[in-house]
N, C-alpha and C. Protein backbone atom coordinates (compact mmCIF):
# COMPACT_ATOMS: atom_id res chain seq x y z
N MET A 1 26.11 17.79 -2.53
CA MET A 1 24.67 17.96 -2.56
C MET A 1 24.34 19.43 -2.33
N ALA A 2 23.50 19.98 -3.18
CA ALA A 2 23.11 21.38 -3.07
C ALA A 2 22.11 21.59 -1.93
N THR A 3 22.11 22.77 -1.37
CA THR A 3 21.13 23.09 -0.33
C THR A 3 19.77 23.33 -0.99
N PRO A 4 18.69 22.98 -0.29
CA PRO A 4 17.36 23.16 -0.87
C PRO A 4 16.99 24.64 -0.95
N GLU A 5 16.09 24.94 -1.87
CA GLU A 5 15.60 26.31 -2.05
C GLU A 5 14.81 26.77 -0.82
N ARG A 6 14.05 25.85 -0.25
CA ARG A 6 13.23 26.17 0.93
C ARG A 6 13.27 25.02 1.92
N GLN A 7 12.92 25.35 3.17
CA GLN A 7 12.71 24.35 4.20
C GLN A 7 11.31 24.53 4.75
N ILE A 8 10.69 23.41 5.05
CA ILE A 8 9.40 23.44 5.73
C ILE A 8 9.64 22.88 7.12
N LEU A 9 9.39 23.70 8.12
CA LEU A 9 9.53 23.29 9.51
C LEU A 9 8.16 22.86 10.02
N VAL A 10 8.09 21.68 10.59
CA VAL A 10 6.84 21.13 11.08
C VAL A 10 6.96 20.89 12.58
N CYS A 11 6.15 21.58 13.36
CA CYS A 11 6.20 21.43 14.81
C CYS A 11 5.77 20.02 15.21
N GLN A 12 6.59 19.39 16.05
CA GLN A 12 6.26 18.08 16.59
C GLN A 12 6.17 18.12 18.11
N SER A 13 6.09 19.31 18.67
CA SER A 13 5.74 19.55 20.07
C SER A 13 6.77 19.13 21.11
N PHE A 14 7.96 18.71 20.73
CA PHE A 14 8.92 18.28 21.72
C PHE A 14 9.51 19.46 22.47
N ARG A 15 9.63 19.31 23.77
CA ARG A 15 10.13 20.36 24.65
C ARG A 15 11.53 20.00 25.14
N VAL A 16 12.12 20.86 25.93
CA VAL A 16 13.48 20.69 26.41
C VAL A 16 13.70 19.32 27.07
N LYS A 17 12.76 18.86 27.85
CA LYS A 17 12.92 17.58 28.54
C LYS A 17 12.60 16.39 27.63
N GLY A 18 12.21 16.67 26.39
CA GLY A 18 11.96 15.59 25.43
C GLY A 18 10.54 15.08 25.37
N ASP A 19 9.67 15.56 26.25
CA ASP A 19 8.29 15.09 26.24
C ASP A 19 7.45 15.89 25.26
N PRO A 20 6.70 15.22 24.37
CA PRO A 20 5.82 15.96 23.48
C PRO A 20 4.64 16.53 24.27
N LYS A 21 4.37 17.79 24.05
CA LYS A 21 3.24 18.45 24.69
C LYS A 21 2.53 19.25 23.62
N GLY A 22 1.46 19.91 23.95
CA GLY A 22 0.75 20.67 22.94
C GLY A 22 -0.03 19.74 22.02
N ILE A 23 -0.50 20.29 20.91
CA ILE A 23 -1.36 19.50 20.02
C ILE A 23 -0.73 19.14 18.69
N CYS A 24 0.36 19.76 18.32
CA CYS A 24 0.90 19.56 16.98
C CYS A 24 1.20 18.10 16.67
N HIS A 25 1.91 17.41 17.57
CA HIS A 25 2.27 16.02 17.29
C HIS A 25 1.06 15.10 17.31
N LYS A 26 0.01 15.47 18.04
CA LYS A 26 -1.19 14.64 18.14
C LYS A 26 -2.05 14.71 16.89
N GLN A 27 -1.95 15.79 16.14
CA GLN A 27 -2.83 15.99 14.99
C GLN A 27 -2.11 15.86 13.65
N THR A 28 -0.92 15.31 13.65
CA THR A 28 -0.17 15.25 12.39
C THR A 28 0.20 13.82 12.01
N ASP A 29 -0.62 12.84 12.36
CA ASP A 29 -0.37 11.46 12.01
C ASP A 29 -0.40 11.31 10.49
N GLY A 30 0.68 10.84 9.90
CA GLY A 30 0.77 10.68 8.46
C GLY A 30 1.09 11.97 7.71
N PHE A 31 1.12 13.06 8.42
CA PHE A 31 1.33 14.41 7.87
C PHE A 31 2.66 14.54 7.15
N LEU A 32 3.75 14.11 7.80
CA LEU A 32 5.07 14.27 7.21
C LEU A 32 5.23 13.45 5.94
N GLN A 33 4.71 12.25 5.94
CA GLN A 33 4.81 11.41 4.75
C GLN A 33 4.03 12.03 3.60
N TYR A 34 2.81 12.50 3.85
CA TYR A 34 2.02 13.13 2.81
C TYR A 34 2.74 14.36 2.27
N LEU A 35 3.27 15.17 3.16
CA LEU A 35 3.98 16.39 2.77
C LEU A 35 5.18 16.06 1.88
N GLU A 36 5.98 15.09 2.30
CA GLU A 36 7.15 14.67 1.51
C GLU A 36 6.73 14.17 0.12
N GLU A 37 5.68 13.36 0.06
CA GLU A 37 5.22 12.82 -1.22
C GLU A 37 4.73 13.93 -2.14
N GLU A 38 4.00 14.89 -1.60
CA GLU A 38 3.50 16.01 -2.41
C GLU A 38 4.65 16.86 -2.95
N ILE A 39 5.64 17.10 -2.11
CA ILE A 39 6.81 17.88 -2.55
C ILE A 39 7.50 17.18 -3.71
N LEU A 40 7.68 15.87 -3.59
CA LEU A 40 8.31 15.09 -4.67
C LEU A 40 7.45 15.10 -5.92
N ASP A 41 6.13 14.86 -5.76
CA ASP A 41 5.22 14.83 -6.91
C ASP A 41 5.21 16.16 -7.66
N ARG A 42 5.36 17.27 -6.93
CA ARG A 42 5.32 18.60 -7.54
C ARG A 42 6.69 19.05 -8.05
N GLY A 43 7.72 18.28 -7.71
CA GLY A 43 9.07 18.63 -8.15
C GLY A 43 9.63 19.87 -7.47
N LEU A 44 9.20 20.11 -6.22
CA LEU A 44 9.68 21.27 -5.47
C LEU A 44 11.03 20.97 -4.83
N ASP A 45 11.87 21.99 -4.74
CA ASP A 45 13.20 21.86 -4.13
C ASP A 45 13.09 22.29 -2.67
N MET A 46 12.62 21.35 -1.83
CA MET A 46 12.35 21.65 -0.42
C MET A 46 12.78 20.50 0.46
N GLN A 47 13.10 20.86 1.70
CA GLN A 47 13.43 19.87 2.72
C GLN A 47 12.43 20.02 3.85
N VAL A 48 11.91 18.91 4.34
CA VAL A 48 10.98 18.91 5.47
C VAL A 48 11.76 18.61 6.74
N VAL A 49 11.56 19.43 7.77
CA VAL A 49 12.27 19.28 9.04
C VAL A 49 11.25 19.22 10.17
N ALA A 50 11.24 18.13 10.93
CA ALA A 50 10.41 18.03 12.13
C ALA A 50 11.14 18.76 13.25
N THR A 51 10.47 19.66 13.93
CA THR A 51 11.10 20.50 14.94
C THR A 51 10.56 20.23 16.33
N GLY A 52 11.22 20.84 17.29
CA GLY A 52 10.68 20.91 18.63
C GLY A 52 9.53 21.91 18.63
N CYS A 53 9.03 22.22 19.80
CA CYS A 53 7.90 23.13 19.94
C CYS A 53 8.21 24.51 19.34
N LEU A 54 7.29 25.00 18.52
CA LEU A 54 7.44 26.33 17.92
C LEU A 54 6.66 27.40 18.70
N LYS A 55 6.15 27.01 19.86
CA LYS A 55 5.53 27.92 20.83
C LYS A 55 4.32 28.68 20.26
N GLN A 56 3.52 27.98 19.47
CA GLN A 56 2.28 28.51 18.93
C GLN A 56 1.15 27.51 19.20
N CYS A 57 1.18 26.89 20.39
CA CYS A 57 0.28 25.78 20.71
C CYS A 57 -1.20 26.10 20.48
N GLU A 58 -1.60 27.31 20.76
CA GLU A 58 -3.01 27.67 20.61
C GLU A 58 -3.46 27.69 19.15
N SER A 59 -2.52 27.66 18.23
CA SER A 59 -2.83 27.72 16.80
C SER A 59 -2.45 26.46 16.04
N GLY A 60 -1.96 25.44 16.73
CA GLY A 60 -1.41 24.27 16.07
C GLY A 60 -2.42 23.42 15.34
N PRO A 61 -1.90 22.52 14.55
CA PRO A 61 -0.52 22.27 14.18
C PRO A 61 0.09 23.41 13.36
N ILE A 62 1.38 23.62 13.56
CA ILE A 62 2.11 24.74 12.94
C ILE A 62 3.08 24.23 11.88
N MET A 63 3.15 24.98 10.79
CA MET A 63 4.12 24.71 9.74
C MET A 63 4.72 26.04 9.31
N VAL A 64 6.04 26.08 9.11
CA VAL A 64 6.74 27.31 8.73
C VAL A 64 7.51 27.06 7.45
N VAL A 65 7.38 27.98 6.49
CA VAL A 65 8.13 27.89 5.24
C VAL A 65 9.24 28.93 5.29
N GLN A 66 10.48 28.44 5.16
CA GLN A 66 11.65 29.32 5.16
C GLN A 66 12.37 29.22 3.82
N PRO A 67 12.95 30.26 3.28
CA PRO A 67 13.27 31.53 3.91
C PRO A 67 12.16 32.57 3.83
N ASP A 68 10.97 32.18 3.35
CA ASP A 68 9.87 33.15 3.20
C ASP A 68 9.33 33.63 4.55
N ASN A 69 9.56 32.85 5.61
CA ASN A 69 9.06 33.14 6.95
C ASN A 69 7.54 33.20 6.98
N TRP A 70 6.90 32.28 6.26
CA TRP A 70 5.45 32.13 6.29
C TRP A 70 5.10 31.14 7.38
N TRP A 71 4.33 31.57 8.36
CA TRP A 71 3.90 30.73 9.47
C TRP A 71 2.43 30.38 9.26
N PHE A 72 2.12 29.08 9.29
CA PHE A 72 0.76 28.62 9.06
C PHE A 72 0.23 27.92 10.30
N LYS A 73 -1.05 28.14 10.57
CA LYS A 73 -1.72 27.54 11.73
C LYS A 73 -2.78 26.54 11.25
N GLY A 74 -3.17 25.65 12.14
CA GLY A 74 -4.24 24.71 11.84
C GLY A 74 -3.97 23.81 10.66
N VAL A 75 -2.71 23.42 10.49
CA VAL A 75 -2.33 22.59 9.34
C VAL A 75 -2.54 21.13 9.72
N ALA A 76 -3.78 20.66 9.61
CA ALA A 76 -4.10 19.31 10.07
C ALA A 76 -4.72 18.43 9.00
N THR A 77 -4.91 18.96 7.79
CA THR A 77 -5.52 18.15 6.74
C THR A 77 -4.70 18.23 5.45
N GLU A 78 -4.92 17.25 4.60
CA GLU A 78 -4.25 17.24 3.30
C GLU A 78 -4.65 18.46 2.47
N ALA A 79 -5.90 18.89 2.60
CA ALA A 79 -6.38 20.06 1.84
C ALA A 79 -5.60 21.32 2.21
N VAL A 80 -5.30 21.48 3.50
CA VAL A 80 -4.53 22.65 3.94
C VAL A 80 -3.10 22.55 3.43
N ILE A 81 -2.51 21.37 3.50
CA ILE A 81 -1.16 21.17 2.98
C ILE A 81 -1.12 21.51 1.49
N ASP A 82 -2.11 21.01 0.76
CA ASP A 82 -2.17 21.28 -0.68
C ASP A 82 -2.27 22.78 -0.96
N ALA A 83 -3.10 23.49 -0.19
CA ALA A 83 -3.25 24.94 -0.38
C ALA A 83 -1.93 25.66 -0.11
N ILE A 84 -1.21 25.24 0.91
CA ILE A 84 0.08 25.86 1.22
C ILE A 84 1.09 25.60 0.11
N LEU A 85 1.16 24.36 -0.37
CA LEU A 85 2.08 24.05 -1.46
C LEU A 85 1.68 24.78 -2.75
N ASP A 86 0.38 24.92 -3.00
CA ASP A 86 -0.08 25.72 -4.14
C ASP A 86 0.42 27.15 -4.01
N GLY A 87 0.31 27.70 -2.79
CA GLY A 87 0.77 29.07 -2.53
C GLY A 87 2.27 29.22 -2.75
N ILE A 88 3.03 28.22 -2.36
CA ILE A 88 4.48 28.26 -2.58
C ILE A 88 4.76 28.29 -4.08
N GLU A 89 4.07 27.45 -4.83
CA GLU A 89 4.27 27.42 -6.28
C GLU A 89 3.86 28.74 -6.94
N GLU A 90 2.84 29.39 -6.40
CA GLU A 90 2.35 30.65 -6.97
C GLU A 90 3.07 31.87 -6.41
N GLY A 91 3.86 31.68 -5.34
CA GLY A 91 4.58 32.79 -4.73
C GLY A 91 3.75 33.66 -3.81
N GLU A 92 2.58 33.16 -3.41
CA GLU A 92 1.66 33.92 -2.55
C GLU A 92 1.10 32.98 -1.49
N PRO A 93 1.34 33.27 -0.20
CA PRO A 93 0.84 32.35 0.83
C PRO A 93 -0.69 32.41 0.93
N PRO A 94 -1.34 31.25 1.13
CA PRO A 94 -2.79 31.27 1.31
C PRO A 94 -3.14 31.92 2.65
N SER A 95 -3.95 32.94 2.62
CA SER A 95 -4.21 33.74 3.83
C SER A 95 -5.07 33.03 4.87
N ASP A 96 -5.84 32.02 4.48
CA ASP A 96 -6.74 31.35 5.42
C ASP A 96 -6.03 30.78 6.64
N HIS A 97 -4.82 30.32 6.48
CA HIS A 97 -4.10 29.67 7.58
C HIS A 97 -2.83 30.41 7.97
N LEU A 98 -2.61 31.57 7.41
CA LEU A 98 -1.41 32.35 7.70
C LEU A 98 -1.51 33.00 9.07
N ILE A 99 -0.44 32.90 9.86
CA ILE A 99 -0.39 33.59 11.15
C ILE A 99 0.14 35.00 10.87
N ASP A 100 -0.60 35.99 11.34
CA ASP A 100 -0.21 37.39 11.10
C ASP A 100 1.02 37.78 11.86
């Protein structure tokens, strides 16, 4: 199996002791499934990875696109996910949710 072109890291707020804290996991109900379906529908070569805390709680929910190292904040709606995936397809991250 070939390695994917990109990975999308999605913060799920888990900390060292295993307890979810922060807001990312609270605001992403159905998020991973929608993201996976959109990636498949668009034919993108990407893997979605649920992560521990990405330490950006004040800006959550957080999503990171690698290897581009694009960090996105406030990713809580399908519209934001769509804009990010559009940006990936166009090669330009949408600035509205980009963390500087």
